[in-house]
Structures are given as C-alpha cells and as structure tokens.
Amino acid sequence: MTSAPLAERLSIPSGPLFFPVTACAPDGSVDLDTYRAHVRRGVEAGAAAVFACCGTGEFHALTPEEYERCVRAAVEVTRGRVPVVAGTGYGTALAVRYARLAEEAGADGLLTMPPYLVVAGQEGLLRHYREVAAATALPVVVYQRDNAVFTPRTVVGLARTEGIVGLKDGLGDLDLMQRIVSAVRAEVPEGFLYFNGLPTAELTQPAYRGIGITLYSSAVFCFAPEIALAFHTALREGDEATAHRLLDGFYRPFVELRAQGRGYAVSLVKAGVRLRGLDVGEVRPPLHEPAEDHVKQLAQLIERGYALLEEDA
C-alpha cells in the first residue's frame, strides 16, 4: 500500500479510472501473465488508477484464492505508480474476508459492491459498510446500485464513518445524487469523493460534471485507451467539440450496441480487448459471449472511434 491517502491521489485524476477485465485461459482458469500484461498496458497508456477485480473484472466469478492472486498481480505491475483499488462484496462476513485479502495483497483501497441478493433497509446497509470499513486500514468507496440505494442521510452517515472516503453511483438518478452531494457538503468536511459508475460512464459524464462529479469509471479504456483518454482530456479542458464528436460517433453507438445483450457491459468489453490483440479469454458463467454479429459491429465501431481521433489530429 502506498503512503499517500487514496482520496488525495484520486481527487484530481490525471487520466481515466481503469477497470481491467480478468484474463482467463482456454480451460477457464485465471491467466495471470495475460492479466499482468493487460494491467501494464493500461497503466502505461495513462490510467489514473487500477480498480482490480471489480464488476468489469468479474469479481462475482472469482474464488478468494484467484481474487488474491489477481489483486497482488495488479499491485506488482503498477509498482505504486497509480493506486490499486480492489473490489469486495457479498454478505458482511465474506466482504470482510475479501477486504482483508486485498489488504494482504497490497491494495490501496476497496470498492464495496452491494450485498448479495438481500434488499436491506438503510440502517442495515449503514451497519454493513461500517463493519467492512472497520475490518482493515484500507480506505473504502461504497458502490450505490441495484439493492444498495441510499438516502442522503445515510450517505452523510457513510461520509462520517472512519475509513469510508467516497461513493460510486451506478444508479443514475441525478436528482438523488444532487441531494446527496448537497447533504454531505452541508454536514461533512471536504474530501468525500464521488464517482459516476454507470456502464459506459462517458455517455452520462457531462451531466454528472454539472453537479460537481468529475471522477468516472471507464470500461472503454480496457480496449480503446486512446479514445477514453481523448474524451477525458476533452472534458477536463472544456473541449466540447471533441467531447461531442466522440459521444455522437463512438460512445452513443457503443451504448446502443451494449444494450443488445444481457451482461454485455462485461462480455462486450472483454471481446473488445481480444479484438485489440490481447487474448484475455471468455467470460465465466453465468455471463455469456456476445453474438458474432455484435462482435463484428464492435470491431467496426472501434475502427470508427480511432478514425475520429485522426480527424481531431
């Protein structure tokens, strides 16, 4: 774990946040050598942080042993150049177990995904995340989506909890997020982080920036880092022409393609990495591979995205 606090290192990101896929060999086992190559390429391409074994990395499909090895590999590859944040989740006991494995592997922080299956009340959710945060010295980012949706009052409670440093939103309710940001700003000292965590977050990031949320996850960075970096730079520098060109010509069509299949937020990204020359294997069940025609459309779309960059040059 690096000495600089995670919140400080992420407050002004130098590039997109990288959520690598987890590479698998033909027999379905985790391919650590290819995974290391994937992470290394992302860091060298300009990622501001590596979020290992999270949603795009198929956290749900990894055994604790595989998870620990992947997090450790990401830490070894980054060599402290950027922070490594590891996913954790399921019920409280398992979330704590994964959190401790991440700490032992050298991670800089945790992204805590929603508890498994249950629809809990606000009091129970707050207790769950507080227990995870208390289990290690790692700073925690809480992921809001699906069965873990918070009131502004609950997020104030999270922000007041030692060890919890941020909230990643995968819900997309901007009215709720504005009220959350306002409530925390009024009652908690500065420093709490917010992330746009929607699938293909670039599409909605201009709207999130309107309420002061500048951090966002980028699955596109996995297979088209130059496109993701160009968009990130355009937003940061106020280059609306470039941002709009990439939104209209690449990101919107990609989102429409992603909507053609369940689980494509992961499997289509993994297909994109393979199309760019790194064989990271297939997704694990219960996810499934994209249809052949959809992969062909993805290849054409990637080509179009890079052509847009050449137009800008």
C-alpha atoms as a PDB file:
ATOM      1  CA  MET A   1       0.000   0.000   0.000  1.00  0.00           C
ATOM      2  CA  THR A   2       1.358   3.428  -0.891  1.00  0.00           C
ATOM      3  CA  SER A   3       1.726   6.129   1.728  1.00  0.00           C
ATOM      4  CA  ALA A   4      -0.389   8.830   0.034  1.00  0.00           C
ATOM      5  CA  PRO A   5      -4.070   8.675   1.025  1.00  0.00           C
ATOM      6  CA  LEU A   6      -6.318   7.285  -1.682  1.00  0.00           C
ATOM      7  CA  ALA A   7      -8.671  10.265  -1.629  1.00  0.00           C
ATOM      8  CA  GLU A   8      -5.789  12.652  -2.181  1.00  0.00           C
ATOM      9  CA  ARG A   9      -4.422  10.616  -5.088  1.00  0.00           C
ATOM     10  CA  LEU A  10      -7.812  10.416  -6.811  1.00  0.00           C
ATOM     11  CA  SER A  11      -9.084  13.932  -6.149  1.00  0.00           C
ATOM     12  CA  ILE A  12      -7.587  15.327  -9.366  1.00  0.00           C
ATOM     13  CA  PRO A  13      -7.272  12.366 -11.747  1.00  0.00           C
ATOM     14  CA  SER A  14      -4.595  12.552 -14.422  1.00  0.00           C
ATOM     15  CA  GLY A  15      -6.496  10.121 -16.650  1.00  0.00           C
ATOM     16  CA  PRO A  16      -9.386   7.662 -16.767  1.00  0.00           C
ATOM     17  CA  LEU A  17     -10.001   5.158 -13.982  1.00  0.00           C
ATOM     18  CA  PHE A  18      -9.110   1.720 -15.344  1.00  0.00           C
ATOM     19  CA  PHE A  19     -11.282  -1.313 -14.545  1.00  0.00           C
ATOM     20  CA  PRO A  20      -9.336  -4.209 -16.108  1.00  0.00           C
ATOM     21  CA  VAL A  21     -11.003  -7.421 -17.194  1.00  0.00           C
ATOM     22  CA  THR A  22      -9.774 -10.628 -15.579  1.00  0.00           C
ATOM     23  CA  ALA A  23      -7.950 -12.733 -18.161  1.00  0.00           C
ATOM     24  CA  CYS A  24      -8.854 -16.404 -18.499  1.00  0.00           C
ATOM     25  CA  ALA A  25      -7.012 -19.245 -20.214  1.00  0.00           C
ATOM     26  CA  PRO A  26      -8.775 -21.589 -22.685  1.00  0.00           C
ATOM     27  CA  ASP A  27      -9.550 -24.007 -19.838  1.00  0.00           C
ATOM     28  CA  GLY A  28     -11.282 -21.233 -17.886  1.00  0.00           C
ATOM     29  CA  SER A  29      -8.572 -20.753 -15.253  1.00  0.00           C
ATOM     30  CA  VAL A  30      -7.233 -17.283 -14.473  1.00  0.00           C
ATOM     31  CA  ASP A  31      -4.339 -16.339 -16.768  1.00  0.00           C
ATOM     32  CA  LEU A  32      -2.128 -14.185 -14.553  1.00  0.00           C
ATOM     33  CA  ASP A  33       0.513 -13.497 -17.209  1.00  0.00           C
ATOM     34  CA  THR A  34      -2.061 -12.058 -19.616  1.00  0.00           C
ATOM     35  CA  TYR A  35      -3.739 -10.212 -16.759  1.00  0.00           C
ATOM     36  CA  ARG A  36      -0.433  -8.586 -15.853  1.00  0.00           C
ATOM     37  CA  ALA A  37       0.072  -7.567 -19.482  1.00  0.00           C
ATOM     38  CA  HIS A  38      -3.430  -6.053 -19.576  1.00  0.00           C
ATOM     39  CA  VAL A  39      -2.878  -4.053 -16.388  1.00  0.00           C
ATOM     40  CA  ARG A  40       0.584  -2.952 -17.514  1.00  0.00           C
ATOM     41  CA  ARG A  41      -0.754  -1.682 -20.832  1.00  0.00           C
ATOM     42  CA  GLY A  42      -3.438   0.307 -19.036  1.00  0.00           C
ATOM     43  CA  VAL A  43      -1.022   1.964 -16.652  1.00  0.00           C
ATOM     44  CA  GLU A  44       1.390   2.791 -19.458  1.00  0.00           C
ATOM     45  CA  ALA A  45      -1.497   4.215 -21.506  1.00  0.00           C
ATOM     46  CA  GLY A  46      -2.279   6.775 -18.802  1.00  0.00           C
ATOM     47  CA  ALA A  47      -4.709   5.272 -16.297  1.00  0.00           C
ATOM     48  CA  ALA A  48      -5.047   7.279 -13.076  1.00  0.00           C
ATOM     49  CA  ALA A  49      -5.920   4.196 -11.006  1.00  0.00           C
ATOM     50  CA  VAL A  50      -6.466   0.451 -11.395  1.00  0.00           C
ATOM     51  CA  PHE A  51      -9.709  -0.978  -9.997  1.00  0.00           C
ATOM     52  CA  ALA A  52      -8.907  -4.682  -9.875  1.00  0.00           C
ATOM     53  CA  CYS A  53     -11.458  -7.484  -9.607  1.00  0.00           C
ATOM     54  CA  CYS A  54     -14.473  -5.206  -9.687  1.00  0.00           C
ATOM     55  CA  GLY A  55     -17.569  -5.517 -11.895  1.00  0.00           C
ATOM     56  CA  THR A  56     -15.739  -5.469 -15.222  1.00  0.00           C
ATOM     57  CA  GLY A  57     -13.195  -7.836 -13.693  1.00  0.00           C
ATOM     58  CA  GLU A  58     -15.904 -10.420 -12.894  1.00  0.00           C
ATOM     59  CA  PHE A  59     -15.492 -10.242  -9.120  1.00  0.00           C
ATOM     60  CA  HIS A  60     -18.599 -12.393  -8.774  1.00  0.00           C
ATOM     61  CA  ALA A  61     -16.913 -15.284 -10.616  1.00  0.00           C
ATOM     62  CA  LEU A  62     -13.587 -15.375  -8.753  1.00  0.00           C
ATOM     63  CA  THR A  63     -12.674 -17.638  -5.868  1.00  0.00           C
ATOM     64  CA  PRO A  64     -10.961 -15.954  -2.905  1.00  0.00           C
ATOM     65  CA  GLU A  65      -7.666 -17.508  -3.974  1.00  0.00           C
ATOM     66  CA  GLU A  66      -7.980 -16.238  -7.557  1.00  0.00           C
ATOM     67  CA  TYR A  67      -9.022 -12.835  -6.281  1.00  0.00           C
ATOM     68  CA  GLU A  68      -5.997 -12.516  -4.007  1.00  0.00           C
ATOM     69  CA  ARG A  69      -3.621 -13.525  -6.796  1.00  0.00           C
ATOM     70  CA  CYS A  70      -5.135 -11.011  -9.222  1.00  0.00           C
ATOM     71  CA  VAL A  71      -5.004  -8.127  -6.745  1.00  0.00           C
ATOM     72  CA  ARG A  72      -1.415  -8.991  -5.864  1.00  0.00           C
ATOM     73  CA  ALA A  73      -0.513  -9.140  -9.575  1.00  0.00           C
ATOM     74  CA  ALA A  74      -2.058  -5.701 -10.171  1.00  0.00           C
ATOM     75  CA  VAL A  75      -0.100  -4.261  -7.247  1.00  0.00           C
ATOM     76  CA  GLU A  76       3.134  -5.784  -8.535  1.00  0.00           C
ATOM     77  CA  VAL A  77       2.612  -4.431 -12.052  1.00  0.00           C
ATOM     78  CA  THR A  78       1.683  -0.891 -11.034  1.00  0.00           C
ATOM     79  CA  ARG A  79       4.630  -0.620  -8.619  1.00  0.00           C
ATOM     80  CA  GLY A  80       2.996   2.296  -6.822  1.00  0.00           C
ATOM     81  CA  ARG A  81       2.721   4.439  -9.950  1.00  0.00           C
ATOM     82  CA  VAL A  82      -1.055   4.579  -9.541  1.00  0.00           C
ATOM     83  CA  PRO A  83      -3.309   3.335  -6.722  1.00  0.00           C
ATOM     84  CA  VAL A  84      -4.854  -0.131  -6.895  1.00  0.00           C
ATOM     85  CA  VAL A  85      -8.418  -0.407  -5.605  1.00  0.00           C
ATOM     86  CA  ALA A  86      -9.848  -3.915  -5.172  1.00  0.00           C
ATOM     87  CA  GLY A  87     -13.481  -4.948  -5.306  1.00  0.00           C
ATOM     88  CA  THR A  88     -15.235  -6.595  -2.390  1.00  0.00           C
ATOM     89  CA  GLY A  89     -18.805  -7.687  -1.793  1.00  0.00           C
ATOM     90  CA  TYR A  90     -21.364 -10.376  -0.876  1.00  0.00           C
ATOM     91  CA  GLY A  91     -22.565 -10.536   2.752  1.00  0.00           C
ATOM     92  CA  THR A  92     -20.689  -8.773   5.509  1.00  0.00           C
ATOM     93  CA  ALA A  93     -18.528 -11.749   6.559  1.00  0.00           C
ATOM     94  CA  LEU A  94     -17.370 -12.507   3.016  1.00  0.00           C
ATOM     95  CA  ALA A  95     -16.920  -8.813   2.192  1.00  0.00           C
ATOM     96  CA  VAL A  96     -14.623  -8.546   5.218  1.00  0.00           C
ATOM     97  CA  ARG A  97     -12.729 -11.657   4.123  1.00  0.00           C
ATOM     98  CA  TYR A  98     -12.127 -10.259   0.631  1.00  0.00           C
ATOM     99  CA  ALA A  99     -11.188  -6.876   2.116  1.00  0.00           C
ATOM    100  CA  ARG A 100      -8.514  -8.486   4.273  1.00  0.00           C
ATOM    101  CA  LEU A 101      -7.200 -10.465   1.321  1.00  0.00           C
ATOM    102  CA  ALA A 102      -6.917  -7.214  -0.648  1.00  0.00           C
ATOM    103  CA  GLU A 103      -5.043  -5.573   2.199  1.00  0.00           C
ATOM    104  CA  GLU A 104      -2.638  -8.519   2.452  1.00  0.00           C
ATOM    105  CA  ALA A 105      -2.084  -8.321  -1.321  1.00  0.00           C
ATOM    106  CA  GLY A 106      -1.030  -4.665  -1.046  1.00  0.00           C
ATOM    107  CA  ALA A 107      -4.108  -2.847  -2.395  1.00  0.00           C
ATOM    108  CA  ASP A 108      -4.523   0.865  -1.721  1.00  0.00           C
ATOM    109  CA  GLY A 109      -8.283   0.814  -1.263  1.00  0.00           C
ATOM    110  CA  LEU A 110     -11.562  -1.042  -1.631  1.00  0.00           C
ATOM    111  CA  LEU A 111     -14.662  -0.685  -3.792  1.00  0.00           C
ATOM    112  CA  THR A 112     -17.505  -2.316  -1.871  1.00  0.00           C
ATOM    113  CA  MET A 113     -20.235  -3.652  -4.119  1.00  0.00           C
ATOM    114  CA  PRO A 114     -23.846  -4.228  -2.997  1.00  0.00           C
ATOM    115  CA  PRO A 115     -24.554  -7.041  -0.535  1.00  0.00           C
ATOM    116  CA  TYR A 116     -25.579 -10.296  -2.150  1.00  0.00           C
ATOM    117  CA  LEU A 117     -29.275 -10.634  -3.067  1.00  0.00           C
ATOM    118  CA  VAL A 118     -30.973  -9.143   0.002  1.00  0.00           C
ATOM    119  CA  VAL A 119     -32.881  -5.871  -0.088  1.00  0.00           C
ATOM    120  CA  ALA A 120     -31.907  -4.269   3.200  1.00  0.00           C
ATOM    121  CA  GLY A 121     -33.058  -1.131   4.977  1.00  0.00           C
ATOM    122  CA  GLN A 122     -30.885   1.940   5.400  1.00  0.00           C
ATOM    123  CA  GLU A 123     -29.871   1.037   8.963  1.00  0.00           C
ATOM    124  CA  GLY A 124     -28.674  -2.417   7.908  1.00  0.00           C
ATOM    125  CA  LEU A 125     -26.793  -1.075   4.887  1.00  0.00           C
ATOM    126  CA  LEU A 126     -25.015   1.500   7.022  1.00  0.00           C
ATOM    127  CA  ARG A 127     -24.013  -1.167   9.527  1.00  0.00           C
ATOM    128  CA  HIS A 128     -22.763  -3.437   6.731  1.00  0.00           C
ATOM    129  CA  TYR A 129     -20.446  -0.836   5.195  1.00  0.00           C
ATOM    130  CA  ARG A 130     -19.227   0.357   8.577  1.00  0.00           C
ATOM    131  CA  GLU A 131     -18.209  -3.187   9.508  1.00  0.00           C
ATOM    132  CA  VAL A 132     -16.356  -3.601   6.207  1.00  0.00           C
ATOM    133  CA  ALA A 133     -14.585  -0.269   6.721  1.00  0.00           C
ATOM    134  CA  ALA A 134     -13.580  -1.228  10.260  1.00  0.00           C
ATOM    135  CA  ALA A 135     -12.096  -4.565   9.156  1.00  0.00           C
ATOM    136  CA  THR A 136      -8.960  -3.138   7.510  1.00  0.00           C
ATOM    137  CA  ALA A 137      -6.908   0.038   7.286  1.00  0.00           C
ATOM    138  CA  LEU A 138      -7.865   0.426   3.616  1.00  0.00           C
ATOM    139  CA  PRO A 139      -9.998   3.404   2.552  1.00  0.00           C
ATOM    140  CA  VAL A 140     -13.393   2.355   1.223  1.00  0.00           C
ATOM    141  CA  VAL A 141     -15.507   3.580  -1.695  1.00  0.00           C
ATOM    142  CA  VAL A 142     -19.142   2.432  -1.481  1.00  0.00           C
ATOM    143  CA  TYR A 143     -20.909   1.410  -4.702  1.00  0.00           C
ATOM    144  CA  GLN A 144     -24.538   2.529  -4.983  1.00  0.00           C
ATOM    145  CA  ARG A 145     -26.622   0.424  -7.384  1.00  0.00           C
ATOM    146  CA  ASP A 146     -29.318  -2.264  -7.580  1.00  0.00           C
ATOM    147  CA  ASN A 147     -30.168  -3.291  -3.993  1.00  0.00           C
ATOM    148  CA  ALA A 148     -27.894  -0.748  -2.315  1.00  0.00           C
ATOM    149  CA  VAL A 149     -29.516   2.650  -2.857  1.00  0.00           C
ATOM    150  CA  PHE A 150     -29.014   5.269  -0.168  1.00  0.00           C
ATOM    151  CA  THR A 151     -30.854   8.280   1.166  1.00  0.00           C
ATOM    152  CA  PRO A 152     -28.860  11.494   1.550  1.00  0.00           C
ATOM    153  CA  ARG A 153     -28.976  10.986   5.327  1.00  0.00           C
ATOM    154  CA  THR A 154     -27.396   7.536   5.002  1.00  0.00           C
ATOM    155  CA  VAL A 155     -24.614   8.882   2.792  1.00  0.00           C
ATOM    156  CA  VAL A 156     -23.926  11.546   5.411  1.00  0.00           C
ATOM    157  CA  GLY A 157     -23.559   8.654   7.862  1.00  0.00           C
ATOM    158  CA  LEU A 158     -21.204   6.870   5.477  1.00  0.00           C
ATOM    159  CA  ALA A 159     -19.136  10.018   4.982  1.00  0.00           C
ATOM    160  CA  ARG A 160     -18.809  10.425   8.752  1.00  0.00           C
ATOM    161  CA  THR A 161     -17.518   6.859   9.101  1.00  0.00           C
ATOM    162  CA  GLU A 162     -13.791   6.494   9.553  1.00  0.00           C
ATOM    163  CA  GLY A 163     -12.317   4.763   6.528  1.00  0.00           C
ATOM    164  CA  ILE A 164     -15.147   5.481   4.072  1.00  0.00           C
ATOM    165  CA  VAL A 165     -13.897   8.047   1.571  1.00  0.00           C
ATOM    166  CA  GLY A 166     -16.348   8.039  -1.312  1.00  0.00           C
ATOM    167  CA  LEU A 167     -19.486   6.955  -3.128  1.00  0.00           C
ATOM    168  CA  LYS A 168     -19.635   5.471  -6.615  1.00  0.00           C
ATOM    169  CA  ASP A 169     -23.046   5.849  -8.247  1.00  0.00           C
ATOM    170  CA  GLY A 170     -24.290   3.147 -10.589  1.00  0.00           C
ATOM    171  CA  LEU A 171     -27.953   4.128 -10.262  1.00  0.00           C
ATOM    172  CA  GLY A 172     -28.102   7.210 -12.471  1.00  0.00           C
ATOM    173  CA  ASP A 173     -30.672   9.218 -10.501  1.00  0.00           C
ATOM    174  CA  LEU A 174     -29.210  12.717 -10.814  1.00  0.00           C
ATOM    175  CA  ASP A 175     -31.887  14.246  -8.591  1.00  0.00           C
ATOM    176  CA  LEU A 176     -30.888  11.870  -5.784  1.00  0.00           C
ATOM    177  CA  MET A 177     -27.186  12.436  -6.408  1.00  0.00           C
ATOM    178  CA  GLN A 178     -27.599  16.211  -6.264  1.00  0.00           C
ATOM    179  CA  ARG A 179     -29.386  15.881  -2.918  1.00  0.00           C
ATOM    180  CA  ILE A 180     -26.662  13.524  -1.652  1.00  0.00           C
ATOM    181  CA  VAL A 181     -23.872  15.902  -2.689  1.00  0.00           C
ATOM    182  CA  SER A 182     -25.697  18.821  -1.095  1.00  0.00           C
ATOM    183  CA  ALA A 183     -26.386  16.997   2.182  1.00  0.00           C
ATOM    184  CA  VAL A 184     -22.800  15.780   2.571  1.00  0.00           C
ATOM    185  CA  ARG A 185     -21.392  19.185   1.655  1.00  0.00           C
ATOM    186  CA  ALA A 186     -23.514  20.810   4.366  1.00  0.00           C
ATOM    187  CA  GLU A 187     -22.583  18.412   7.159  1.00  0.00           C
ATOM    188  CA  VAL A 188     -19.208  16.773   6.463  1.00  0.00           C
ATOM    189  CA  PRO A 189     -15.780  18.368   5.986  1.00  0.00           C
ATOM    190  CA  GLU A 190     -14.478  18.463   2.424  1.00  0.00           C
ATOM    191  CA  GLY A 191     -12.755  15.479   0.891  1.00  0.00           C
ATOM    192  CA  PHE A 192     -15.548  12.966   0.226  1.00  0.00           C
ATOM    193  CA  LEU A 193     -15.236  11.551  -3.287  1.00  0.00           C
ATOM    194  CA  TYR A 194     -17.986  10.862  -5.825  1.00  0.00           C
ATOM    195  CA  PHE A 195     -17.745   8.663  -8.898  1.00  0.00           C
ATOM    196  CA  ASN A 196     -20.005   8.169 -11.892  1.00  0.00           C
ATOM    197  CA  GLY A 197     -20.149   4.379 -12.039  1.00  0.00           C
ATOM    198  CA  LEU A 198     -22.773   3.837 -14.717  1.00  0.00           C
ATOM    199  CA  PRO A 199     -21.896   1.414 -17.540  1.00  0.00           C
ATOM    200  CA  THR A 200     -20.020   3.369 -20.225  1.00  0.00           C
ATOM    201  CA  ALA A 201     -19.952   6.332 -17.866  1.00  0.00           C
ATOM    202  CA  GLU A 202     -18.597   8.665 -20.539  1.00  0.00           C
ATOM    203  CA  LEU A 203     -22.089   8.938 -22.034  1.00  0.00           C
ATOM    204  CA  THR A 204     -23.512  10.488 -18.857  1.00  0.00           C
ATOM    205  CA  GLN A 205     -20.379  12.209 -17.552  1.00  0.00           C
ATOM    206  CA  PRO A 206     -21.218  15.675 -18.924  1.00  0.00           C
ATOM    207  CA  ALA A 207     -24.395  15.564 -16.815  1.00  0.00           C
ATOM    208  CA  TYR A 208     -22.524  14.339 -13.733  1.00  0.00           C
ATOM    209  CA  ARG A 209     -19.987  17.128 -14.126  1.00  0.00           C
ATOM    210  CA  GLY A 210     -22.908  19.529 -13.827  1.00  0.00           C
ATOM    211  CA  ILE A 211     -23.351  18.505 -10.192  1.00  0.00           C
ATOM    212  CA  GLY A 212     -19.638  18.514  -9.479  1.00  0.00           C
ATOM    213  CA  ILE A 213     -18.787  14.820 -10.026  1.00  0.00           C
ATOM    214  CA  THR A 214     -15.613  14.591 -12.093  1.00  0.00           C
ATOM    215  CA  LEU A 215     -14.478  11.015 -11.388  1.00  0.00           C
ATOM    216  CA  TYR A 216     -15.842   8.196 -13.514  1.00  0.00           C
ATOM    217  CA  SER A 217     -15.101   4.598 -14.387  1.00  0.00           C
ATOM    218  CA  SER A 218     -14.081   3.789 -17.948  1.00  0.00           C
ATOM    219  CA  ALA A 219     -14.623   0.286 -19.306  1.00  0.00           C
ATOM    220  CA  VAL A 220     -13.780   1.575 -22.796  1.00  0.00           C
ATOM    221  CA  PHE A 221     -10.256   2.267 -21.519  1.00  0.00           C
ATOM    222  CA  CYS A 222      -9.780  -1.539 -21.382  1.00  0.00           C
ATOM    223  CA  PHE A 223      -9.795  -1.867 -25.170  1.00  0.00           C
ATOM    224  CA  ALA A 224      -9.518   1.656 -26.587  1.00  0.00           C
ATOM    225  CA  PRO A 225      -7.406   3.649 -24.129  1.00  0.00           C
ATOM    226  CA  GLU A 226      -6.579   6.388 -26.638  1.00  0.00           C
ATOM    227  CA  ILE A 227     -10.280   7.081 -27.200  1.00  0.00           C
ATOM    228  CA  ALA A 228     -11.006   7.083 -23.470  1.00  0.00           C
ATOM    229  CA  LEU A 229      -8.053   9.342 -22.756  1.00  0.00           C
ATOM    230  CA  ALA A 230      -9.003  11.782 -25.524  1.00  0.00           C
ATOM    231  CA  PHE A 231     -12.521  12.053 -24.119  1.00  0.00           C
ATOM    232  CA  HIS A 232     -11.238  12.501 -20.572  1.00  0.00           C
ATOM    233  CA  THR A 233      -8.894  15.269 -21.731  1.00  0.00           C
ATOM    234  CA  ALA A 234     -11.665  16.973 -23.700  1.00  0.00           C
ATOM    235  CA  LEU A 235     -13.914  17.097 -20.634  1.00  0.00           C
ATOM    236  CA  ARG A 236     -11.141  18.353 -18.391  1.00  0.00           C
ATOM    237  CA  GLU A 237     -10.120  21.102 -20.821  1.00  0.00           C
ATOM    238  CA  GLY A 238     -13.639  22.122 -21.831  1.00  0.00           C
ATOM    239  CA  ASP A 239     -13.171  20.977 -25.428  1.00  0.00           C
ATOM    240  CA  GLU A 240     -16.843  20.441 -26.215  1.00  0.00           C
ATOM    241  CA  ALA A 241     -16.272  19.872 -29.918  1.00  0.00           C
ATOM    242  CA  THR A 242     -14.085  16.813 -29.309  1.00  0.00           C
ATOM    243  CA  ALA A 243     -16.299  15.524 -26.497  1.00  0.00           C
ATOM    244  CA  HIS A 244     -19.419  15.813 -28.652  1.00  0.00           C
ATOM    245  CA  ARG A 245     -17.741  14.210 -31.659  1.00  0.00           C
ATOM    246  CA  LEU A 246     -16.732  11.179 -29.570  1.00  0.00           C
ATOM    247  CA  LEU A 247     -20.106  10.997 -27.826  1.00  0.00           C
ATOM    248  CA  ASP A 248     -22.033  11.116 -31.080  1.00  0.00           C
ATOM    249  CA  GLY A 249     -19.733   8.985 -33.203  1.00  0.00           C
ATOM    250  CA  PHE A 250     -18.497   6.395 -30.717  1.00  0.00           C
ATOM    251  CA  TYR A 251     -19.942   6.339 -27.203  1.00  0.00           C
ATOM    252  CA  ARG A 252     -23.644   6.566 -28.039  1.00  0.00           C
ATOM    253  CA  PRO A 253     -23.424   3.806 -30.695  1.00  0.00           C
ATOM    254  CA  PHE A 254     -21.381   1.697 -28.278  1.00  0.00           C
ATOM    255  CA  VAL A 255     -24.029   2.054 -25.572  1.00  0.00           C
ATOM    256  CA  GLU A 256     -26.721   1.091 -28.074  1.00  0.00           C
ATOM    257  CA  LEU A 257     -24.716  -1.987 -29.042  1.00  0.00           C
ATOM    258  CA  ARG A 258     -24.099  -2.842 -25.387  1.00  0.00           C
ATOM    259  CA  ALA A 259     -27.855  -2.777 -24.813  1.00  0.00           C
ATOM    260  CA  GLN A 260     -28.331  -5.624 -27.315  1.00  0.00           C
ATOM    261  CA  GLY A 261     -27.409  -8.316 -24.792  1.00  0.00           C
ATOM    262  CA  ARG A 262     -27.548  -9.005 -21.073  1.00  0.00           C
ATOM    263  CA  GLY A 263     -24.130  -8.915 -19.475  1.00  0.00           C
ATOM    264  CA  TYR A 264     -22.601  -7.067 -22.417  1.00  0.00           C
ATOM    265  CA  ALA A 265     -21.243  -4.427 -20.023  1.00  0.00           C
ATOM    266  CA  VAL A 266     -18.613  -7.085 -19.276  1.00  0.00           C
ATOM    267  CA  SER A 267     -18.578  -9.572 -22.153  1.00  0.00           C
ATOM    268  CA  LEU A 268     -18.531  -6.927 -24.902  1.00  0.00           C
ATOM    269  CA  VAL A 269     -15.630  -5.185 -23.173  1.00  0.00           C
ATOM    270  CA  LYS A 270     -13.716  -8.452 -22.955  1.00  0.00           C
ATOM    271  CA  ALA A 271     -14.409  -9.035 -26.652  1.00  0.00           C
ATOM    272  CA  GLY A 272     -13.027  -5.560 -27.334  1.00  0.00           C
ATOM    273  CA  VAL A 273      -9.775  -6.393 -25.552  1.00  0.00           C
ATOM    274  CA  ARG A 274      -9.434  -9.529 -27.680  1.00  0.00           C
ATOM    275  CA  LEU A 275     -10.120  -7.533 -30.844  1.00  0.00           C
ATOM    276  CA  ARG A 276      -7.218  -5.238 -29.945  1.00  0.00           C
ATOM    277  CA  GLY A 277      -4.801  -8.162 -29.848  1.00  0.00           C
ATOM    278  CA  LEU A 278      -4.694  -9.391 -26.252  1.00  0.00           C
ATOM    279  CA  ASP A 279      -6.357 -12.765 -25.719  1.00  0.00           C
ATOM    280  CA  VAL A 280      -7.998 -12.378 -22.322  1.00  0.00           C
ATOM    281  CA  GLY A 281     -10.295 -15.332 -22.926  1.00  0.00           C
ATOM    282  CA  GLU A 282     -14.037 -15.582 -22.467  1.00  0.00           C
ATOM    283  CA  VAL A 283     -16.310 -14.526 -19.636  1.00  0.00           C
ATOM    284  CA  ARG A 284     -17.250 -17.050 -16.986  1.00  0.00           C
ATOM    285  CA  PRO A 285     -20.828 -18.278 -16.437  1.00  0.00           C
ATOM    286  CA  PRO A 286     -23.435 -17.047 -15.832  1.00  0.00           C
ATOM    287  CA  LEU A 287     -22.294 -14.393 -18.326  1.00  0.00           C
ATOM    288  CA  HIS A 288     -22.083 -15.405 -21.976  1.00  0.00           C
ATOM    289  CA  GLU A 289     -20.142 -14.317 -25.027  1.00  0.00           C
ATOM    290  CA  PRO A 290     -21.575 -11.654 -27.388  1.00  0.00           C
ATOM    291  CA  ALA A 291     -23.166 -12.750 -30.641  1.00  0.00           C
ATOM    292  CA  GLU A 292     -20.760 -12.960 -33.573  1.00  0.00           C
ATOM    293  CA  ASP A 293     -22.528 -10.145 -35.409  1.00  0.00           C
ATOM    294  CA  HIS A 294     -22.285  -7.920 -32.369  1.00  0.00           C
ATOM    295  CA  VAL A 295     -18.542  -8.536 -32.162  1.00  0.00           C
ATOM    296  CA  LYS A 296     -18.236  -7.542 -35.826  1.00  0.00           C
ATOM    297  CA  GLN A 297     -20.182  -4.359 -35.111  1.00  0.00           C
ATOM    298  CA  LEU A 298     -17.876  -3.670 -32.176  1.00  0.00           C
ATOM    299  CA  ALA A 299     -14.816  -4.032 -34.411  1.00  0.00           C
ATOM    300  CA  GLN A 300     -16.286  -1.526 -36.866  1.00  0.00           C
ATOM    301  CA  LEU A 301     -17.157   0.840 -34.051  1.00  0.00           C
ATOM    302  CA  ILE A 302     -13.641   0.730 -32.596  1.00  0.00           C
ATOM    303  CA  GLU A 303     -12.260   1.495 -36.055  1.00  0.00           C
ATOM    304  CA  ARG A 304     -14.653   4.431 -36.343  1.00  0.00           C
ATOM    305  CA  GLY A 305     -13.619   5.728 -32.918  1.00  0.00           C
ATOM    306  CA  TYR A 306      -9.950   5.784 -33.834  1.00  0.00           C
ATOM    307  CA  ALA A 307     -10.807   7.486 -37.141  1.00  0.00           C
ATOM    308  CA  LEU A 308     -12.479  10.239 -35.132  1.00  0.00           C
ATOM    309  CA  LEU A 309      -9.221  10.761 -33.255  1.00  0.00           C
ATOM    310  CA  GLU A 310      -7.361  11.134 -36.529  1.00  0.00           C
ATOM    311  CA  GLU A 311      -9.877  13.767 -37.663  1.00  0.00           C
ATOM    312  CA  ASP A 312      -9.167  15.715 -34.499  1.00  0.00           C
ATOM    313  CA  ALA A 313      -5.406  15.468 -35.096  1.00  0.00           C
END
